[in-house]
Amino acid sequence: MPTPSGSSTSAFDRTAASILDLTKSSLSKFDQVLAAQAQSSSKDGLETRLADFNLWASAVGPIAKSGLSLDSRLQRLPDDLAIVKAVLLMLSDSLEYYASLS
């Protein structure tokens, strides 16, 4: 069944993804959108948001080694883990929507 973002992945599958996977997916989508916006005036804003996201990732550590990663640190805090995943999923959906506008 399609999700509101138009993908065929179920909501359960999306929320089952790790923070690491969702972070990598968001970084990939940023790169795809920026590549498609090569001559756009909005590219500067996207590059700024990507820089912000990279700062967040560097500070919080979603891509850190196992045991130090955000997934590991939030393992015993399921509500906090769910919030971070939900925000990453919203970012991913927003990037997909933005890409569809061009």
N, C-alpha and C. Protein backbone atom coordinates (compact mmCIF):
# COMPACT_ATOMS: atom_id res chain seq x y z
N MET A 1 0.85 -1.18 0.00
CA MET A 1 0.00 0.00 0.00
C MET A 1 0.90 1.24 0.00
N PRO A 2 0.61 2.22 -0.88
CA PRO A 2 1.43 3.43 -0.90
C PRO A 2 1.26 4.27 0.35
N THR A 3 2.34 4.91 0.74
CA THR A 3 2.31 5.83 1.87
C THR A 3 1.99 7.22 1.36
N PRO A 4 1.70 8.18 2.25
CA PRO A 4 1.42 9.54 1.80
C PRO A 4 2.55 10.14 0.96
N SER A 5 3.77 9.66 1.15
CA SER A 5 4.89 10.19 0.36
C SER A 5 4.95 9.55 -1.01
N GLY A 6 4.08 8.56 -1.25
CA GLY A 6 4.03 7.93 -2.55
C GLY A 6 4.88 6.68 -2.67
N SER A 7 5.62 6.33 -1.64
CA SER A 7 6.43 5.13 -1.72
C SER A 7 5.57 3.91 -1.42
N SER A 8 6.03 2.76 -1.84
CA SER A 8 5.25 1.54 -1.60
C SER A 8 5.65 0.85 -0.32
N THR A 9 6.58 1.40 0.44
CA THR A 9 6.99 0.82 1.71
C THR A 9 5.94 1.12 2.76
N SER A 10 5.60 0.11 3.54
CA SER A 10 4.59 0.33 4.57
C SER A 10 5.14 1.19 5.70
N ALA A 11 4.25 1.81 6.44
CA ALA A 11 4.65 2.66 7.55
C ALA A 11 5.42 1.84 8.59
N PHE A 12 5.01 0.60 8.78
CA PHE A 12 5.71 -0.26 9.74
C PHE A 12 7.17 -0.45 9.33
N ASP A 13 7.41 -0.73 8.07
CA ASP A 13 8.78 -0.93 7.59
C ASP A 13 9.62 0.33 7.77
N ARG A 14 9.02 1.47 7.55
CA ARG A 14 9.75 2.73 7.67
C ARG A 14 10.14 3.00 9.12
N THR A 15 9.26 2.76 10.05
CA THR A 15 9.57 3.03 11.45
C THR A 15 10.46 1.95 12.04
N ALA A 16 10.56 0.81 11.39
CA ALA A 16 11.44 -0.25 11.87
C ALA A 16 12.89 0.03 11.49
N ALA A 17 13.11 0.95 10.58
CA ALA A 17 14.48 1.29 10.18
C ALA A 17 15.23 1.92 11.35
N SER A 18 16.52 1.75 11.35
CA SER A 18 17.34 2.34 12.40
C SER A 18 17.54 3.83 12.14
N ILE A 19 17.95 4.54 13.17
CA ILE A 19 18.30 5.95 13.01
C ILE A 19 19.46 6.08 12.03
N LEU A 20 20.38 5.15 12.09
CA LEU A 20 21.51 5.14 11.16
C LEU A 20 21.01 5.08 9.71
N ASP A 21 20.12 4.14 9.44
CA ASP A 21 19.58 4.00 8.07
C ASP A 21 18.79 5.23 7.64
N LEU A 22 17.99 5.76 8.55
CA LEU A 22 17.19 6.94 8.22
C LEU A 22 18.08 8.16 7.98
N THR A 23 19.16 8.27 8.75
CA THR A 23 20.10 9.38 8.56
C THR A 23 20.80 9.26 7.22
N LYS A 24 21.28 8.06 6.89
CA LYS A 24 21.94 7.85 5.60
C LYS A 24 20.98 8.11 4.44
N SER A 25 19.74 7.69 4.61
CA SER A 25 18.73 7.93 3.58
C SER A 25 18.50 9.42 3.37
N SER A 26 18.41 10.17 4.47
CA SER A 26 18.20 11.61 4.37
C SER A 26 19.39 12.29 3.69
N LEU A 27 20.60 11.87 4.04
CA LEU A 27 21.79 12.43 3.39
C LEU A 27 21.77 12.16 1.89
N SER A 28 21.38 10.96 1.52
CA SER A 28 21.29 10.60 0.11
C SER A 28 20.24 11.44 -0.61
N LYS A 29 19.10 11.65 0.03
CA LYS A 29 18.04 12.46 -0.58
C LYS A 29 18.47 13.92 -0.71
N PHE A 30 19.19 14.44 0.27
CA PHE A 30 19.73 15.79 0.15
C PHE A 30 20.61 15.87 -1.10
N ASP A 31 21.49 14.89 -1.27
CA ASP A 31 22.40 14.89 -2.42
C ASP A 31 21.63 14.83 -3.74
N GLN A 32 20.58 14.00 -3.78
CA GLN A 32 19.77 13.87 -5.00
C GLN A 32 19.06 15.18 -5.32
N VAL A 33 18.48 15.81 -4.32
CA VAL A 33 17.76 17.07 -4.53
C VAL A 33 18.74 18.16 -4.96
N LEU A 34 19.89 18.23 -4.31
CA LEU A 34 20.88 19.24 -4.68
C LEU A 34 21.38 19.03 -6.10
N ALA A 35 21.57 17.80 -6.51
CA ALA A 35 22.02 17.51 -7.87
C ALA A 35 20.96 17.96 -8.89
N ALA A 36 19.70 17.76 -8.55
CA ALA A 36 18.62 18.17 -9.45
C ALA A 36 18.42 19.68 -9.47
N GLN A 37 18.87 20.37 -8.43
CA GLN A 37 18.70 21.81 -8.31
C GLN A 37 19.98 22.56 -8.66
N ALA A 38 20.81 21.99 -9.51
CA ALA A 38 22.15 22.53 -9.78
C ALA A 38 22.12 24.02 -10.17
N GLN A 39 21.12 24.46 -10.88
CA GLN A 39 21.07 25.85 -11.35
C GLN A 39 19.98 26.66 -10.64
N SER A 40 19.40 26.12 -9.61
CA SER A 40 18.28 26.77 -8.94
C SER A 40 18.75 27.80 -7.92
N SER A 41 17.93 28.84 -7.75
CA SER A 41 18.24 29.86 -6.74
C SER A 41 18.02 29.32 -5.32
N SER A 42 17.26 28.25 -5.18
CA SER A 42 16.99 27.68 -3.86
C SER A 42 18.10 26.73 -3.41
N LYS A 43 19.11 26.52 -4.26
CA LYS A 43 20.19 25.60 -3.91
C LYS A 43 20.94 26.06 -2.67
N ASP A 44 21.12 27.37 -2.50
CA ASP A 44 21.82 27.87 -1.31
C ASP A 44 21.09 27.49 -0.03
N GLY A 45 19.77 27.61 -0.04
CA GLY A 45 18.99 27.22 1.14
C GLY A 45 19.11 25.74 1.44
N LEU A 46 19.08 24.91 0.39
CA LEU A 46 19.24 23.47 0.58
C LEU A 46 20.62 23.13 1.11
N GLU A 47 21.63 23.80 0.59
CA GLU A 47 22.99 23.55 1.09
C GLU A 47 23.12 23.95 2.55
N THR A 48 22.44 25.01 2.95
CA THR A 48 22.45 25.43 4.35
C THR A 48 21.76 24.39 5.22
N ARG A 49 20.62 23.86 4.77
CA ARG A 49 19.92 22.83 5.54
C ARG A 49 20.76 21.56 5.62
N LEU A 50 21.47 21.21 4.54
CA LEU A 50 22.34 20.05 4.57
C LEU A 50 23.48 20.27 5.56
N ALA A 51 24.03 21.46 5.59
CA ALA A 51 25.09 21.77 6.56
C ALA A 51 24.56 21.66 7.98
N ASP A 52 23.35 22.15 8.21
CA ASP A 52 22.72 22.02 9.54
C ASP A 52 22.55 20.55 9.91
N PHE A 53 22.10 19.75 8.95
CA PHE A 53 21.89 18.33 9.20
C PHE A 53 23.22 17.64 9.51
N ASN A 54 24.25 17.99 8.76
CA ASN A 54 25.58 17.42 9.02
C ASN A 54 26.10 17.81 10.39
N LEU A 55 25.85 19.05 10.81
CA LEU A 55 26.25 19.47 12.16
C LEU A 55 25.51 18.66 13.22
N TRP A 56 24.21 18.47 13.02
CA TRP A 56 23.43 17.65 13.95
C TRP A 56 24.01 16.24 14.01
N ALA A 57 24.27 15.65 12.84
CA ALA A 57 24.79 14.28 12.79
C ALA A 57 26.15 14.18 13.47
N SER A 58 26.98 15.19 13.30
CA SER A 58 28.31 15.18 13.94
C SER A 58 28.19 15.30 15.46
N ALA A 59 27.27 16.13 15.90
CA ALA A 59 27.13 16.37 17.34
C ALA A 59 26.41 15.23 18.07
N VAL A 60 25.39 14.69 17.45
CA VAL A 60 24.54 13.70 18.11
C VAL A 60 25.02 12.27 17.88
N GLY A 61 25.65 12.01 16.76
CA GLY A 61 26.25 10.71 16.51
C GLY A 61 25.37 9.61 15.97
N PRO A 62 24.44 9.88 15.06
CA PRO A 62 23.64 8.78 14.54
C PRO A 62 24.44 7.82 13.66
N ILE A 63 25.62 8.25 13.20
CA ILE A 63 26.43 7.42 12.33
C ILE A 63 27.66 6.88 13.07
N ALA A 64 27.70 7.08 14.37
CA ALA A 64 28.83 6.62 15.18
C ALA A 64 28.90 5.09 15.22
N LYS A 65 30.03 4.58 15.68
CA LYS A 65 30.22 3.14 15.83
C LYS A 65 29.14 2.55 16.74
N SER A 66 28.87 1.28 16.52
CA SER A 66 27.91 0.58 17.37
C SER A 66 28.31 0.73 18.83
N GLY A 67 27.34 0.93 19.67
CA GLY A 67 27.59 1.14 21.10
C GLY A 67 27.64 2.62 21.43
N LEU A 68 28.12 3.43 20.51
CA LEU A 68 28.16 4.88 20.70
C LEU A 68 27.10 5.59 19.87
N SER A 69 26.47 4.85 18.99
CA SER A 69 25.50 5.46 18.08
C SER A 69 24.24 5.91 18.83
N LEU A 70 23.50 6.76 18.18
CA LEU A 70 22.25 7.24 18.75
C LEU A 70 21.27 6.08 18.93
N ASP A 71 21.26 5.15 17.98
CA ASP A 71 20.40 3.96 18.13
C ASP A 71 20.71 3.23 19.43
N SER A 72 21.98 3.03 19.70
CA SER A 72 22.40 2.31 20.92
C SER A 72 22.04 3.09 22.17
N ARG A 73 22.29 4.40 22.14
CA ARG A 73 22.06 5.21 23.33
C ARG A 73 20.58 5.38 23.64
N LEU A 74 19.73 5.30 22.62
CA LEU A 74 18.28 5.47 22.85
C LEU A 74 17.54 4.14 22.95
N GLN A 75 18.27 3.06 22.93
CA GLN A 75 17.65 1.73 22.97
C GLN A 75 16.73 1.56 24.18
N ARG A 76 17.10 2.11 25.31
CA ARG A 76 16.28 1.97 26.53
C ARG A 76 15.29 3.12 26.71
N LEU A 77 15.22 3.99 25.70
CA LEU A 77 14.29 5.12 25.73
C LEU A 77 13.43 5.09 24.46
N PRO A 78 12.49 4.14 24.41
CA PRO A 78 11.74 3.93 23.17
C PRO A 78 10.94 5.15 22.71
N ASP A 79 10.45 5.96 23.62
CA ASP A 79 9.71 7.16 23.21
C ASP A 79 10.63 8.16 22.52
N ASP A 80 11.80 8.35 23.08
CA ASP A 80 12.77 9.26 22.47
C ASP A 80 13.26 8.72 21.13
N LEU A 81 13.48 7.43 21.06
CA LEU A 81 13.88 6.79 19.81
C LEU A 81 12.81 7.00 18.73
N ALA A 82 11.55 6.84 19.11
CA ALA A 82 10.45 7.02 18.17
C ALA A 82 10.35 8.47 17.69
N ILE A 83 10.60 9.42 18.57
CA ILE A 83 10.55 10.84 18.19
C ILE A 83 11.64 11.14 17.17
N VAL A 84 12.85 10.69 17.41
CA VAL A 84 13.96 10.95 16.48
C VAL A 84 13.65 10.32 15.12
N LYS A 85 13.16 9.08 15.14
CA LYS A 85 12.81 8.42 13.89
C LYS A 85 11.70 9.18 13.15
N ALA A 86 10.72 9.64 13.89
CA ALA A 86 9.61 10.38 13.26
C ALA A 86 10.11 11.66 12.61
N VAL A 87 11.01 12.35 13.27
CA VAL A 87 11.56 13.59 12.68
C VAL A 87 12.37 13.26 11.42
N LEU A 88 13.16 12.21 11.47
CA LEU A 88 13.93 11.82 10.28
C LEU A 88 13.02 11.38 9.14
N LEU A 89 11.93 10.70 9.46
CA LEU A 89 10.97 10.31 8.43
C LEU A 89 10.28 11.54 7.83
N MET A 90 9.96 12.53 8.66
CA MET A 90 9.35 13.76 8.13
C MET A 90 10.34 14.50 7.22
N LEU A 91 11.60 14.54 7.62
CA LEU A 91 12.61 15.16 6.77
C LEU A 91 12.70 14.43 5.44
N SER A 92 12.74 13.12 5.48
CA SER A 92 12.81 12.32 4.26
C SER A 92 11.61 12.59 3.35
N ASP A 93 10.42 12.61 3.93
CA ASP A 93 9.20 12.88 3.16
C ASP A 93 9.23 14.29 2.57
N SER A 94 9.72 15.24 3.34
CA SER A 94 9.80 16.63 2.85
C SER A 94 10.78 16.74 1.68
N LEU A 95 11.90 16.05 1.77
CA LEU A 95 12.86 16.07 0.67
C LEU A 95 12.29 15.40 -0.58
N GLU A 96 11.56 14.31 -0.39
CA GLU A 96 10.91 13.66 -1.53
C GLU A 96 9.88 14.59 -2.16
N TYR A 97 9.11 15.27 -1.35
CA TYR A 97 8.11 16.20 -1.85
C TYR A 97 8.79 17.35 -2.60
N TYR A 98 9.83 17.89 -2.02
CA TYR A 98 10.57 18.99 -2.66
C TYR A 98 11.12 18.54 -4.01
N ALA A 99 11.65 17.32 -4.06
CA ALA A 99 12.18 16.80 -5.33
C ALA A 99 11.08 16.65 -6.37
N SER A 100 9.87 16.32 -5.93
CA SER A 100 8.76 16.13 -6.87
C SER A 100 8.26 17.46 -7.46
N LEU A 101 8.60 18.57 -6.83
CA LEU A 101 8.15 19.87 -7.32
C LEU A 101 8.95 20.34 -8.53
N SER A 102 10.12 19.79 -8.70
CA SER A 102 10.97 20.26 -9.81
C SER A 102 10.75 19.47 -11.06
